[in-house]
Structures are given as structure tokens and as C-alpha cells.
PDB file of N, CA and C in Angstrom:
ATOM      1  N   MET A   1     102.784  95.150  97.487  1.00  0.00           N
ATOM      2  CA  MET A   1     103.045  95.582  96.564  1.00  0.00           C
ATOM      3  C   MET A   1     101.727  96.313  96.498  1.00  0.00           C
ATOM      4  N   LYS A   2     102.365  97.898  96.831  1.00  0.00           N
ATOM      5  CA  LYS A   2     100.952  98.534  96.553  1.00  0.00           C
ATOM      6  C   LYS A   2     100.982  99.241  94.672  1.00  0.00           C
ATOM      7  N   THR A   3      99.714  99.581  94.310  1.00  0.00           N
ATOM      8  CA  THR A   3      99.250  99.445  93.378  1.00  0.00           C
ATOM      9  C   THR A   3      98.693 101.421  93.347  1.00  0.00           C
ATOM     10  N   ARG A   4      98.745 101.952  92.624  1.00  0.00           N
ATOM     11  CA  ARG A   4      98.083 103.453  92.704  1.00  0.00           C
ATOM     12  C   ARG A   4      96.756 103.018  92.094  1.00  0.00           C
ATOM     13  N   GLY A   5      95.683 104.029  92.225  1.00  0.00           N
ATOM     14  CA  GLY A   5      94.768 103.583  91.356  1.00  0.00           C
ATOM     15  C   GLY A   5      93.585 104.828  92.049  1.00  0.00           C
ATOM     16  N   PHE A   6      92.065 104.389  91.890  1.00  0.00           N
ATOM     17  CA  PHE A   6      91.648 105.449  92.166  1.00  0.00           C
ATOM     18  C   PHE A   6      89.698 105.009  92.668  1.00  0.00           C
ATOM     19  N   CYS A   7      89.248 105.475  93.581  1.00  0.00           N
ATOM     20  CA  CYS A   7      88.313 104.970  93.665  1.00  0.00           C
ATOM     21  C   CYS A   7      87.331 104.791  92.351  1.00  0.00           C
ATOM     22  N   ALA A   8      86.341 104.061  92.661  1.00  0.00           N
ATOM     23  CA  ALA A   8      85.164 104.057  91.197  1.00  0.00           C
ATOM     24  C   ALA A   8      84.199 104.782  91.713  1.00  0.00           C
ATOM     25  N   PHE A   9      83.945 105.430  92.998  1.00  0.00           N
ATOM     26  CA  PHE A   9      82.729 106.197  92.826  1.00  0.00           C
ATOM     27  C   PHE A   9      83.097 107.440  93.252  1.00  0.00           C
ATOM     28  N   CYS A  10      84.106 107.811  93.967  1.00  0.00           N
ATOM     29  CA  CYS A  10      83.999 109.416  94.413  1.00  0.00           C
ATOM     30  C   CYS A  10      85.325 109.974  93.381  1.00  0.00           C
ATOM     31  N   LYS A  11      86.309 108.512  92.416  1.00  0.00           N
ATOM     32  CA  LYS A  11      87.134 109.309  91.419  1.00  0.00           C
ATOM     33  C   LYS A  11      88.420 109.640  92.771  1.00  0.00           C
ATOM     34  N   SER A  12      88.543 109.882  93.415  1.00  0.00           N
ATOM     35  CA  SER A  12      89.979 109.996  93.975  1.00  0.00           C
ATOM     36  C   SER A  12      90.853 109.154  94.229  1.00  0.00           C
ATOM     37  N   PRO A  13      92.168 109.489  94.583  1.00  0.00           N
ATOM     38  CA  PRO A  13      93.191 108.929  93.823  1.00  0.00           C
ATOM     39  C   PRO A  13      93.270 108.061  95.577  1.00  0.00           C
ATOM     40  N   LYS A  14      94.284 106.767  95.380  1.00  0.00           N
ATOM     41  CA  LYS A  14      94.549 106.014  96.447  1.00  0.00           C
ATOM     42  C   LYS A  14      95.258 104.870  96.307  1.00  0.00           C
ATOM     43  N   TRP A  15      95.731 104.356  97.306  1.00  0.00           N
ATOM     44  CA  TRP A  15      96.321 103.447  97.124  1.00  0.00           C
ATOM     45  C   TRP A  15      95.709 101.749  97.718  1.00  0.00           C
ATOM     46  N   TYR A  16      96.240 100.769  96.826  1.00  0.00           N
ATOM     47  CA  TYR A  16      95.771  99.417  96.810  1.00  0.00           C
ATOM     48  C   TYR A  16      96.830  98.700  97.073  1.00  0.00           C
ATOM     49  N   TYR A  17      96.415  97.499  97.772  1.00  0.00           N
ATOM     50  CA  TYR A  17      97.258  96.219  97.513  1.00  0.00           C
ATOM     51  C   TYR A  17      96.685  95.582  96.186  1.00  0.00           C
ATOM     52  N   ALA A  18      97.764  95.260  95.449  1.00  0.00           N
ATOM     53  CA  ALA A  18      97.263  94.518  94.627  1.00  0.00           C
ATOM     54  C   ALA A  18      97.412  93.323  94.478  1.00  0.00           C
ATOM     55  N   HIS A  19      97.943  92.017  95.254  1.00  0.00           N
ATOM     56  CA  HIS A  19      98.056  91.316  95.701  1.00  0.00           C
ATOM     57  C   HIS A  19      97.507  90.348  96.785  1.00  0.00           C
ATOM     58  N   LYS A  20      96.453  89.218  96.063  1.00  0.00           N
ATOM     59  CA  LYS A  20      95.447  89.155  97.087  1.00  0.00           C
ATOM     60  C   LYS A  20      95.931  88.005  97.859  1.00  0.00           C
ATOM     61  N   HIS A  21      96.703  87.411  97.170  1.00  0.00           N
ATOM     62  CA  HIS A  21      97.703  85.803  97.230  1.00  0.00           C
ATOM     63  C   HIS A  21      98.408  85.604  97.893  1.00  0.00           C
ATOM     64  N   LEU A  22      98.871  84.711  98.095  1.00  0.00           N
ATOM     65  CA  LEU A  22     100.456  83.863  98.786  1.00  0.00           C
ATOM     66  C   LEU A  22     100.878  84.412  97.351  1.00  0.00           C
ATOM     67  N   LYS A  23     102.293  84.667  97.378  1.00  0.00           N
ATOM     68  CA  LYS A  23     103.246  84.680  96.418  1.00  0.00           C
ATOM     69  C   LYS A  23     104.544  83.777  96.543  1.00  0.00           C
ATOM     70  N   TRP A  24     105.497  83.474  95.817  1.00  0.00           N
ATOM     71  CA  TRP A  24     106.337  82.042  96.100  1.00  0.00           C
ATOM     72  C   TRP A  24     107.541  82.943  97.027  1.00  0.00           C
ATOM     73  N   THR A  25     107.454  84.104  97.249  1.00  0.00           N
ATOM     74  CA  THR A  25     108.620  84.450  97.806  1.00  0.00           C
ATOM     75  C   THR A  25     107.832  84.690  99.403  1.00  0.00           C
ATOM     76  N   HIS A  26     106.558  84.593  99.864  1.00  0.00           N
ATOM     77  CA  HIS A  26     105.764  84.284 100.995  1.00  0.00           C
ATOM     78  C   HIS A  26     106.029  82.751 101.233  1.00  0.00           C
ATOM     79  N   THR A  27     106.030  82.101 100.492  1.00  0.00           N
ATOM     80  CA  THR A  27     106.126  80.615 100.553  1.00  0.00           C
ATOM     81  C   THR A  27     107.484  79.953 101.187  1.00  0.00           C
ATOM     82  N   PHE A  28     108.433  80.619 100.601  1.00  0.00           N
ATOM     83  CA  PHE A  28     109.592  80.628 101.220  1.00  0.00           C
ATOM     84  C   PHE A  28     109.999  81.415 102.173  1.00  0.00           C
ATOM     85  N   PHE A  29     109.796  82.641 102.767  1.00  0.00           N
ATOM     86  CA  PHE A  29     110.137  82.937 103.992  1.00  0.00           C
ATOM     87  C   PHE A  29     109.150  82.179 105.103  1.00  0.00           C
ATOM     88  N   SER A  30     108.235  81.838 104.669  1.00  0.00           N
ATOM     89  CA  SER A  30     107.433  80.553 105.434  1.00  0.00           C
ATOM     90  C   SER A  30     108.156  79.551 105.722  1.00  0.00           C
ATOM     91  N   LEU A  31     108.589  78.983 104.443  1.00  0.00           N
ATOM     92  CA  LEU A  31     109.293  77.589 105.221  1.00  0.00           C
ATOM     93  C   LEU A  31     110.793  78.135 105.956  1.00  0.00           C
ATOM     94  N   LEU A  32     111.459  79.107 105.771  1.00  0.00           N
ATOM     95  CA  LEU A  32     112.326  79.309 106.207  1.00  0.00           C
ATOM     96  C   LEU A  32     111.977  79.595 108.089  1.00  0.00           C
ATOM     97  N   LEU A  33     110.953  80.303 107.801  1.00  0.00           N
ATOM     98  CA  LEU A  33     110.662  80.687 109.551  1.00  0.00           C
ATOM     99  C   LEU A  33     110.199  79.321 110.128  1.00  0.00           C
ATOM    100  N   ALA A  34     109.752  78.147 109.162  1.00  0.00           N
ATOM    101  CA  ALA A  34     108.892  76.876 110.220  1.00  0.00           C
ATOM    102  C   ALA A  34     110.471  76.557 110.315  1.00  0.00           C
ATOM    103  N   LEU A  35     111.236  76.346 109.714  1.00  0.00           N
ATOM    104  CA  LEU A  35     112.994  76.204 110.212  1.00  0.00           C
ATOM    105  C   LEU A  35     113.165  76.533 111.180  1.00  0.00           C
ATOM    106  N   CYS A  36     113.282  77.656 111.104  1.00  0.00           N
ATOM    107  CA  CYS A  36     114.530  78.100 112.335  1.00  0.00           C
ATOM    108  C   CYS A  36     113.219  77.792 113.582  1.00  0.00           C
ATOM    109  N   PHE A  37     111.617  77.741 113.577  1.00  0.00           N
ATOM    110  CA  PHE A  37     111.094  77.582 114.778  1.00  0.00           C
ATOM    111  C   PHE A  37     111.711  76.192 115.185  1.00  0.00           C
ATOM    112  N   ASN A  38     111.491  75.184 113.979  1.00  0.00           N
ATOM    113  CA  ASN A  38     111.456  73.826 114.657  1.00  0.00           C
ATOM    114  C   ASN A  38     113.165  73.704 115.032  1.00  0.00           C
ATOM    115  N   TYR A  39     114.189  74.546 114.484  1.00  0.00           N
ATOM    116  CA  TYR A  39     115.501  74.524 114.987  1.00  0.00           C
ATOM    117  C   TYR A  39     115.591  75.012 116.596  1.00  0.00           C
ATOM    118  N   VAL A  40     115.036  75.881 116.587  1.00  0.00           N
ATOM    119  CA  VAL A  40     115.481  76.486 118.027  1.00  0.00           C
ATOM    120  C   VAL A  40     114.288  75.824 118.998  1.00  0.00           C
ATOM    121  N   ALA A  41     113.315  74.744 118.811  1.00  0.00           N
ATOM    122  CA  ALA A  41     112.515  74.186 119.910  1.00  0.00           C
ATOM    123  C   ALA A  41     112.601  72.695 119.632  1.00  0.00           C
ATOM    124  N   THR A  42     113.408  72.142 118.959  1.00  0.00           N
ATOM    125  CA  THR A  42     113.954  71.010 119.174  1.00  0.00           C
ATOM    126  C   THR A  42     115.603  70.739 118.603  1.00  0.00           C
ATOM    127  N   PHE A  43     116.392  71.143 118.698  1.00  0.00           N
ATOM    128  CA  PHE A  43     117.545  71.641 118.018  1.00  0.00           C
ATOM    129  C   PHE A  43     117.435  70.258 117.280  1.00  0.00           C
ATOM    130  N   GLU A  44     116.878  70.370 116.462  1.00  0.00           N
ATOM    131  CA  GLU A  44     117.168  69.518 114.899  1.00  0.00           C
ATOM    132  C   GLU A  44     116.047  69.459 114.210  1.00  0.00           C
ATOM    133  N   PHE A  45     116.730  69.317 113.019  1.00  0.00           N
ATOM    134  CA  PHE A  45     115.947  69.834 111.955  1.00  0.00           C
ATOM    135  C   PHE A  45     115.231  68.046 111.355  1.00  0.00           C
ATOM    136  N   GLY A  46     113.537  68.112 112.054  1.00  0.00           N
ATOM    137  CA  GLY A  46     112.604  67.088 111.784  1.00  0.00           C
ATOM    138  C   GLY A  46     111.717  67.036 111.521  1.00  0.00           C
ATOM    139  N   PRO A  47     110.141  66.391 111.007  1.00  0.00           N
ATOM    140  CA  PRO A  47     109.083  66.433 110.215  1.00  0.00           C
ATOM    141  C   PRO A  47     108.615  67.541 111.115  1.00  0.00           C
ATOM    142  N   SER A  48     108.854  67.405 112.049  1.00  0.00           N
ATOM    143  CA  SER A  48     107.375  68.729 112.459  1.00  0.00           C
ATOM    144  C   SER A  48     107.765  70.014 112.045  1.00  0.00           C
ATOM    145  N   PHE A  49     108.239  70.383 110.798  1.00  0.00           N
ATOM    146  CA  PHE A  49     108.406  71.762 110.803  1.00  0.00           C
ATOM    147  C   PHE A  49     107.581  71.806 109.528  1.00  0.00           C
ATOM    148  N   LEU A  50     106.811  70.470 109.283  1.00  0.00           N
ATOM    149  CA  LEU A  50     105.599  70.328 107.904  1.00  0.00           C
ATOM    150  C   LEU A  50     104.706  71.476 108.738  1.00  0.00           C
ATOM    151  N   PHE A  51     104.203  70.782 109.939  1.00  0.00           N
ATOM    152  CA  PHE A  51     103.379  71.359 110.882  1.00  0.00           C
ATOM    153  C   PHE A  51     103.640  73.360 110.561  1.00  0.00           C
ATOM    154  N   ILE A  52     104.294  72.883 111.428  1.00  0.00           N
ATOM    155  CA  ILE A  52     104.338  74.745 111.319  1.00  0.00           C
ATOM    156  C   ILE A  52     104.773  75.366 109.890  1.00  0.00           C
ATOM    157  N   PHE A  53     105.388  75.276 109.341  1.00  0.00           N
ATOM    158  CA  PHE A  53     105.528  75.446 108.091  1.00  0.00           C
ATOM    159  C   PHE A  53     103.591  75.402 107.229  1.00  0.00           C
ATOM    160  N   GLY A  54     103.221  74.341 107.701  1.00  0.00           N
ATOM    161  CA  GLY A  54     101.254  74.919 107.048  1.00  0.00           C
ATOM    162  C   GLY A  54     100.303  75.976 108.177  1.00  0.00           C
ATOM    163  N   MET A  55     101.077  75.703 109.437  1.00  0.00           N
ATOM    164  CA  MET A  55     100.515  76.789 110.052  1.00  0.00           C
ATOM    165  C   MET A  55     100.799  77.729 109.926  1.00  0.00           C
ATOM    166  N   ASN A  56     102.128  78.574 109.270  1.00  0.00           N
ATOM    167  CA  ASN A  56     102.551  79.402 108.511  1.00  0.00           C
ATOM    168  C   ASN A  56     101.880  79.856 107.627  1.00  0.00           C
ATOM    169  N   LEU A  57     101.840  79.509 106.351  1.00  0.00           N
ATOM    170  CA  LEU A  57     101.296  79.767 105.389  1.00  0.00           C
ATOM    171  C   LEU A  57      99.467  79.923 105.450  1.00  0.00           C
ATOM    172  N   ILE A  58      99.178  79.360 106.274  1.00  0.00           N
ATOM    173  CA  ILE A  58      97.783  79.720 106.703  1.00  0.00           C
ATOM    174  C   ILE A  58      97.545  80.803 107.510  1.00  0.00           C
ATOM    175  N   VAL A  59      98.511  81.231 108.118  1.00  0.00           N
ATOM    176  CA  VAL A  59      98.443  82.882 108.574  1.00  0.00           C
ATOM    177  C   VAL A  59      98.937  83.739 107.859  1.00  0.00           C
ATOM    178  N   ALA A  60      99.841  83.644 107.151  1.00  0.00           N
ATOM    179  CA  ALA A  60      99.923  84.430 105.890  1.00  0.00           C
ATOM    180  C   ALA A  60      98.995  84.329 105.350  1.00  0.00           C
ATOM    181  N   GLU A  61      98.364  83.766 104.470  1.00  0.00           N
ATOM    182  CA  GLU A  61      97.450  83.753 103.462  1.00  0.00           C
ATOM    183  C   GLU A  61      96.408  84.449 104.184  1.00  0.00           C
ATOM    184  N   MET A  62      95.739  84.490 105.363  1.00  0.00           N
ATOM    185  CA  MET A  62      94.759  85.425 106.183  1.00  0.00           C
ATOM    186  C   MET A  62      94.916  86.342 106.168  1.00  0.00           C
ATOM    187  N   ILE A  63      96.156  86.868 106.883  1.00  0.00           N
ATOM    188  CA  ILE A  63      97.052  88.591 106.772  1.00  0.00           C
ATOM    189  C   ILE A  63      97.034  88.805 105.344  1.00  0.00           C
ATOM    190  N   LEU A  64      96.990  88.277 104.156  1.00  0.00           N
ATOM    191  CA  LEU A  64      96.938  88.983 102.904  1.00  0.00           C
ATOM    192  C   LEU A  64      95.858  89.035 102.797  1.00  0.00           C
ATOM    193  N   GLN A  65      95.103  88.770 102.564  1.00  0.00           N
ATOM    194  CA  GLN A  65      93.576  88.319 102.390  1.00  0.00           C
ATOM    195  C   GLN A  65      92.944  89.620 103.223  1.00  0.00           C
ATOM    196  N   ILE A  66      93.331  89.673 104.471  1.00  0.00           N
ATOM    197  CA  ILE A  66      92.863  90.693 105.464  1.00  0.00           C
ATOM    198  C   ILE A  66      93.127  92.243 105.149  1.00  0.00           C
ATOM    199  N   ARG A  67      94.859  92.568 104.340  1.00  0.00           N
ATOM    200  CA  ARG A  67      94.947  93.337 104.565  1.00  0.00           C
ATOM    201  C   ARG A  67      94.447  93.453 102.885  1.00  0.00           C
ATOM    202  N   TRP A  68      94.446  93.087 102.318  1.00  0.00           N
ATOM    203  CA  TRP A  68      93.795  93.448 100.421  1.00  0.00           C
ATOM    204  C   TRP A  68      92.835  94.044 100.542  1.00  0.00           C
ATOM    205  N   ARG A  69      91.805  92.990 101.296  1.00  0.00           N
ATOM    206  CA  ARG A  69      90.519  93.860 101.737  1.00  0.00           C
ATOM    207  C   ARG A  69      89.641  94.827 102.083  1.00  0.00           C
ATOM    208  N   MET A  70      90.655  95.290 103.397  1.00  0.00           N
ATOM    209  CA  MET A  70      90.701  96.359 104.030  1.00  0.00           C
ATOM    210  C   MET A  70      91.636  97.944 102.637  1.00  0.00           C
ATOM    211  N   SER A  71      92.076  97.353 102.031  1.00  0.00           N
ATOM    212  CA  SER A  71      92.969  98.413 101.230  1.00  0.00           C
ATOM    213  C   SER A  71      92.196  98.585  99.775  1.00  0.00           C
ATOM    214  N   VAL A  72      91.195  97.799  99.942  1.00  0.00           N
ATOM    215  CA  VAL A  72      90.122  98.050  98.667  1.00  0.00           C
ATOM    216  C   VAL A  72      88.972  99.048  98.992  1.00  0.00           C
ATOM    217  N   ILE A  73      88.596  99.432 100.506  1.00  0.00           N
ATOM    218  CA  ILE A  73      88.031 100.061 100.464  1.00  0.00           C
ATOM    219  C   ILE A  73      88.119 101.214 100.571  1.00  0.00           C
ATOM    220  N   CYS A  74      87.396 102.556 100.367  1.00  0.00           N
ATOM    221  CA  CYS A  74      87.830 104.096 100.021  1.00  0.00           C
ATOM    222  C   CYS A  74      87.842 104.684 101.160  1.00  0.00           C
ATOM    223  N   GLN A  75      88.740 105.342 101.679  1.00  0.00           N
ATOM    224  CA  GLN A  75      88.486 105.810 103.156  1.00  0.00           C
ATOM    225  C   GLN A  75      88.136 107.122 103.364  1.00  0.00           C
ATOM    226  N   LYS A  76      87.899 107.762 102.178  1.00  0.00           N
ATOM    227  CA  LYS A  76      87.142 108.696 101.735  1.00  0.00           C
ATOM    228  C   LYS A  76      85.510 109.174 101.409  1.00  0.00           C
ATOM    229  N   CYS A  77      85.069 108.256 100.871  1.00  0.00           N
ATOM    230  CA  CYS A  77      83.619 107.950 101.056  1.00  0.00           C
ATOM    231  C   CYS A  77      82.945 105.974 101.402  1.00  0.00           C
ATOM    232  N   GLY A  78      84.144 105.842 101.390  1.00  0.00           N
ATOM    233  CA  GLY A  78      83.285 104.157 102.311  1.00  0.00           C
ATOM    234  C   GLY A  78      82.815 103.371 100.929  1.00  0.00           C
ATOM    235  N   PHE A  79      83.572 103.438  99.814  1.00  0.00           N
ATOM    236  CA  PHE A  79      82.650 102.373  98.590  1.00  0.00           C
ATOM    237  C   PHE A  79      83.739 101.295  98.765  1.00  0.00           C
ATOM    238  N   ASP A  80      82.725 100.330  98.585  1.00  0.00           N
ATOM    239  CA  ASP A  80      83.255  98.800  98.827  1.00  0.00           C
ATOM    240  C   ASP A  80      83.419  97.835  97.428  1.00  0.00           C
ATOM    241  N   PRO A  81      84.119  98.133  96.792  1.00  0.00           N
ATOM    242  CA  PRO A  81      83.873  97.405  95.071  1.00  0.00           C
ATOM    243  C   PRO A  81      83.443  96.050  95.846  1.00  0.00           C
ATOM    244  N   VAL A  82      83.939  95.277  96.663  1.00  0.00           N
ATOM    245  CA  VAL A  82      83.882  93.623  96.978  1.00  0.00           C
ATOM    246  C   VAL A  82      82.229  93.457  97.284  1.00  0.00           C
ATOM    247  N   LEU A  83      81.991  94.179  98.330  1.00  0.00           N
ATOM    248  CA  LEU A  83      80.714  94.080  98.428  1.00  0.00           C
ATOM    249  C   LEU A  83      79.442  94.851  97.606  1.00  0.00           C
ATOM    250  N   TYR A  84      79.840  95.320  96.586  1.00  0.00           N
ATOM    251  CA  TYR A  84      79.231  96.182  95.621  1.00  0.00           C
ATOM    252  C   TYR A  84      78.404  95.353  94.888  1.00  0.00           C
ATOM    253  N   VAL A  85      79.388  94.354  94.042  1.00  0.00           N
ATOM    254  CA  VAL A  85      79.509  93.114  93.513  1.00  0.00           C
ATOM    255  C   VAL A  85      78.971  92.005  93.974  1.00  0.00           C
ATOM    256  N   LYS A  86      78.287  91.686  95.698  1.00  0.00           N
ATOM    257  CA  LYS A  86      77.649  91.033  96.039  1.00  0.00           C
ATOM    258  C   LYS A  86      76.295  91.554  96.469  1.00  0.00           C
ATOM    259  N   ASP A  87      76.430  92.933  97.005  1.00  0.00           N
ATOM    260  CA  ASP A  87      74.678  93.472  97.385  1.00  0.00           C
ATOM    261  C   ASP A  87      74.600  94.607  97.075  1.00  0.00           C
ATOM    262  N   GLN A  88      74.545  95.355  96.196  1.00  0.00           N
ATOM    263  CA  GLN A  88      74.477  97.151  95.710  1.00  0.00           C
ATOM    264  C   GLN A  88      73.892  97.932  96.860  1.00  0.00           C
ATOM    265  N   ASN A  89      72.549  97.259  97.176  1.00  0.00           N
ATOM    266  CA  ASN A  89      72.071  97.952  98.258  1.00  0.00           C
ATOM    267  C   ASN A  89      72.489  98.353  99.512  1.00  0.00           C
ATOM    268  N   LEU A  90      73.010  97.421  99.908  1.00  0.00           N
ATOM    269  CA  LEU A  90      73.916  97.362 101.224  1.00  0.00           C
ATOM    270  C   LEU A  90      75.554  98.149 101.070  1.00  0.00           C
ATOM    271  N   ALA A  91      76.003  98.090 100.056  1.00  0.00           N
ATOM    272  CA  ALA A  91      76.965  99.025  99.405  1.00  0.00           C
ATOM    273  C   ALA A  91      76.399 100.739  99.368  1.00  0.00           C
ATOM    274  N   CYS A  92      75.349 100.753  98.637  1.00  0.00           N
ATOM    275  CA  CYS A  92      74.634 102.138  99.102  1.00  0.00           C
ATOM    276  C   CYS A  92      75.070 102.526 100.356  1.00  0.00           C
ATOM    277  N   ASP A  93      73.851 101.860 101.142  1.00  0.00           N
ATOM    278  CA  ASP A  93      73.792 102.162 102.295  1.00  0.00           C
ATOM    279  C   ASP A  93      75.325 102.545 103.026  1.00  0.00           C
ATOM    280  N   LYS A  94      75.898 101.372 103.214  1.00  0.00           N
ATOM    281  CA  LYS A  94      77.357 101.858 103.680  1.00  0.00           C
ATOM    282  C   LYS A  94      78.172 103.145 103.036  1.00  0.00           C
ATOM    283  N   VAL A  95      77.570 103.801 102.139  1.00  0.00           N
ATOM    284  CA  VAL A  95      78.381 105.109 101.380  1.00  0.00           C
ATOM    285  C   VAL A  95      77.832 105.996 102.032  1.00  0.00           C
ATOM    286  N   LYS A  96      76.053 105.981 101.786  1.00  0.00           N
ATOM    287  CA  LYS A  96      75.194 106.976 102.485  1.00  0.00           C
ATOM    288  C   LYS A  96      75.809 107.453 103.932  1.00  0.00           C
ATOM    289  N   GLN A  97      76.044 106.014 104.941  1.00  0.00           N
ATOM    290  CA  GLN A  97      76.015 106.173 105.932  1.00  0.00           C
ATOM    291  C   GLN A  97      78.055 106.953 106.196  1.00  0.00           C
ATOM    292  N   LYS A  98      78.840 106.493 105.339  1.00  0.00           N
ATOM    293  CA  LYS A  98      79.873 107.116 105.192  1.00  0.00           C
ATOM    294  C   LYS A  98      79.445 108.643 105.090  1.00  0.00           C
ATOM    295  N   LEU A  99      79.063 109.095 104.151  1.00  0.00           N
ATOM    296  CA  LEU A  99      79.017 110.688 104.004  1.00  0.00           C
ATOM    297  C   LEU A  99      78.322 111.177 104.800  1.00  0.00           C
ATOM    298  N   ASP A 100      77.066 110.833 105.518  1.00  0.00           N
ATOM    299  CA  ASP A 100      76.610 111.243 106.869  1.00  0.00           C
ATOM    300  C   ASP A 100      76.932 111.819 108.108  1.00  0.00           C
ATOM    301  N   GLU A 101      78.595 110.739 107.923  1.00  0.00           N
ATOM    302  CA  GLU A 101      79.542 111.250 108.787  1.00  0.00           C
ATOM    303  C   GLU A 101      80.312 112.647 108.530  1.00  0.00           C
ATOM    304  N   ARG A 102      80.541 112.349 107.431  1.00  0.00           N
ATOM    305  CA  ARG A 102      81.559 113.472 106.562  1.00  0.00           C
ATOM    306  C   ARG A 102      81.014 114.867 106.837  1.00  0.00           C
ATOM    307  N   LYS A 103      79.346 114.552 106.186  1.00  0.00           N
ATOM    308  CA  LYS A 103      78.919 116.030 106.604  1.00  0.00           C
ATOM    309  C   LYS A 103      78.811 116.439 108.022  1.00  0.00           C
ATOM    310  N   LYS A 104      78.771 115.668 108.879  1.00  0.00           N
ATOM    311  CA  LYS A 104      78.791 116.415 109.982  1.00  0.00           C
ATOM    312  C   LYS A 104      80.352 116.840 110.383  1.00  0.00           C
ATOM    313  N   ASP A 105      81.353 116.523 109.546  1.00  0.00           N
ATOM    314  CA  ASP A 105      82.557 117.293 110.358  1.00  0.00           C
ATOM    315  C   ASP A 105      82.934 118.176 109.193  1.00  0.00           C
ATOM    316  N   GLU A 106      83.442 119.547 109.447  1.00  0.00           N
ATOM    317  CA  GLU A 106      83.355 120.980 108.571  1.00  0.00           C
ATOM    318  C   GLU A 106      84.379 120.773 108.642  1.00  0.00           C
ATOM    319  N   ILE A 107      85.755 120.238 109.148  1.00  0.00           N
ATOM    320  CA  ILE A 107      86.847 120.605 108.391  1.00  0.00           C
ATOM    321  C   ILE A 107      86.659 119.753 107.588  1.00  0.00           C
ATOM    322  N   LYS A 108      86.650 118.417 107.208  1.00  0.00           N
ATOM    323  CA  LYS A 108      86.777 117.998 106.016  1.00  0.00           C
ATOM    324  C   LYS A 108      86.294 118.398 105.048  1.00  0.00           C
ATOM    325  N   ASN A 109      84.891 118.442 104.868  1.00  0.00           N
ATOM    326  CA  ASN A 109      84.192 119.579 103.814  1.00  0.00           C
ATOM    327  C   ASN A 109      84.816 120.704 102.987  1.00  0.00           C
ATOM    328  N   VAL A 110      85.359 121.271 104.006  1.00  0.00           N
ATOM    329  CA  VAL A 110      86.040 122.679 103.683  1.00  0.00           C
ATOM    330  C   VAL A 110      87.090 121.980 102.892  1.00  0.00           C
ATOM    331  N   PHE A 111      88.083 121.626 103.888  1.00  0.00           N
ATOM    332  CA  PHE A 111      89.695 121.607 103.390  1.00  0.00           C
ATOM    333  C   PHE A 111      89.790 120.306 102.400  1.00  0.00           C
ATOM    334  N   PHE A 112      89.182 119.636 102.564  1.00  0.00           N
ATOM    335  CA  PHE A 112      89.147 117.985 101.410  1.00  0.00           C
ATOM    336  C   PHE A 112      87.810 117.604 100.813  1.00  0.00           C
ATOM    337  N   PRO A 113      87.277 118.363  99.898  1.00  0.00           N
ATOM    338  CA  PRO A 113      85.929 118.097  99.642  1.00  0.00           C
ATOM    339  C   PRO A 113      85.694 116.729  98.503  1.00  0.00           C
ATOM    340  N   LEU A 114      84.824 116.547  98.209  1.00  0.00           N
ATOM    341  CA  LEU A 114      84.620 115.233  97.754  1.00  0.00           C
ATOM    342  C   LEU A 114      83.988 116.006  96.396  1.00  0.00           C
ATOM    343  N   LYS A 115      84.198 115.171  95.058  1.00  0.00           N
ATOM    344  CA  LYS A 115      83.411 115.448  93.589  1.00  0.00           C
ATOM    345  C   LYS A 115      82.997 114.346  93.501  1.00  0.00           C
ATOM    346  N   LEU A 116      81.819 114.045  94.045  1.00  0.00           N
ATOM    347  CA  LEU A 116      80.622 113.352  94.080  1.00  0.00           C
ATOM    348  C   LEU A 116      79.895 113.185  92.725  1.00  0.00           C
ATOM    349  N   PRO A 117      79.616 111.429  92.171  1.00  0.00           N
ATOM    350  CA  PRO A 117      78.776 111.748  90.953  1.00  0.00           C
ATOM    351  C   PRO A 117      78.035 112.417  91.111  1.00  0.00           C
ATOM    352  N   PHE A 118      77.234 112.958  90.207  1.00  0.00           N
ATOM    353  CA  PHE A 118      75.903 113.017  89.850  1.00  0.00           C
ATOM    354  C   PHE A 118      75.191 112.288  88.803  1.00  0.00           C
ATOM    355  N   ARG A 119      73.691 112.083  88.857  1.00  0.00           N
ATOM    356  CA  ARG A 119      72.853 111.647  87.544  1.00  0.00           C
ATOM    357  C   ARG A 119      72.183 112.555  87.080  1.00  0.00           C
ATOM    358  N   LYS A 120      72.303 112.820  85.744  1.00  0.00           N
ATOM    359  CA  LYS A 120      71.627 113.939  84.764  1.00  0.00           C
ATOM    360  C   LYS A 120      70.696 113.517  84.268  1.00  0.00           C
ATOM    361  N   SER A 121      69.414 114.643  84.473  1.00  0.00           N
ATOM    362  CA  SER A 121      68.471 114.761  84.321  1.00  0.00           C
ATOM    363  C   SER A 121      68.354 114.592  82.730  1.00  0.00           C
TER     364      SER A 121
END
């Protein structure tokens, strides 16, 4: 489920995934998928579906984590709030690198300008 929000650095609107972990619907569909795979492979319902169910849960959790992590990063300025909590200097370097790449592209600067924050003296 996508949620509308704003970048914490450049204040540009963006969509991000609100759910970071598995929900009961993901678990239910992983169970159904495991039962279907088990029945197709052995033509009977046996206990081997538990292994397939476990693997489905692991893969689904990894996909949801990666999807959430990639949606949190701002596509316009490159700000990563998770990285900012862990290491502020590294997050600052990534934003500077993304903004330097953006300065080289004249079309983005003219038609899609960023409203970057500035410090008051």
C-alpha cells in the first residue's frame, strides 16, 4: 500500500510504501502458494509444503524490505532518511553527489527546479 508523503530534505511530494514487514494477507497467500506448489510437485498434500511455505515467507519478507527501502529514498535529491539516522556524513555525501549530477542536466534544472533548504545567517 503506497502512502503519499514529502521528502524530508527537499520537500518534494513522493509516494512510499507504508508497510515494511509481512502482513497476514502475505502470509495467507504464501500458504496458498506453498500448498499449490506441493500439490503440483507430488499430487498429494504432504508435510513438505511447510518447507515451501517457509521459503515463500523468507522471499516475501526480503522483497517487501527491499521494496520499502528503495521507496524511502528521494528520487529528486537522493536523500535517504534511514542512512541519515545511521551516518549523517554519508547521507550528506550522497545528497551532494545526486545534486552534482542534477546540476549537469540542464533540462531538469530549467523545467523541474528543486526548492532546496538554506541556512539563515
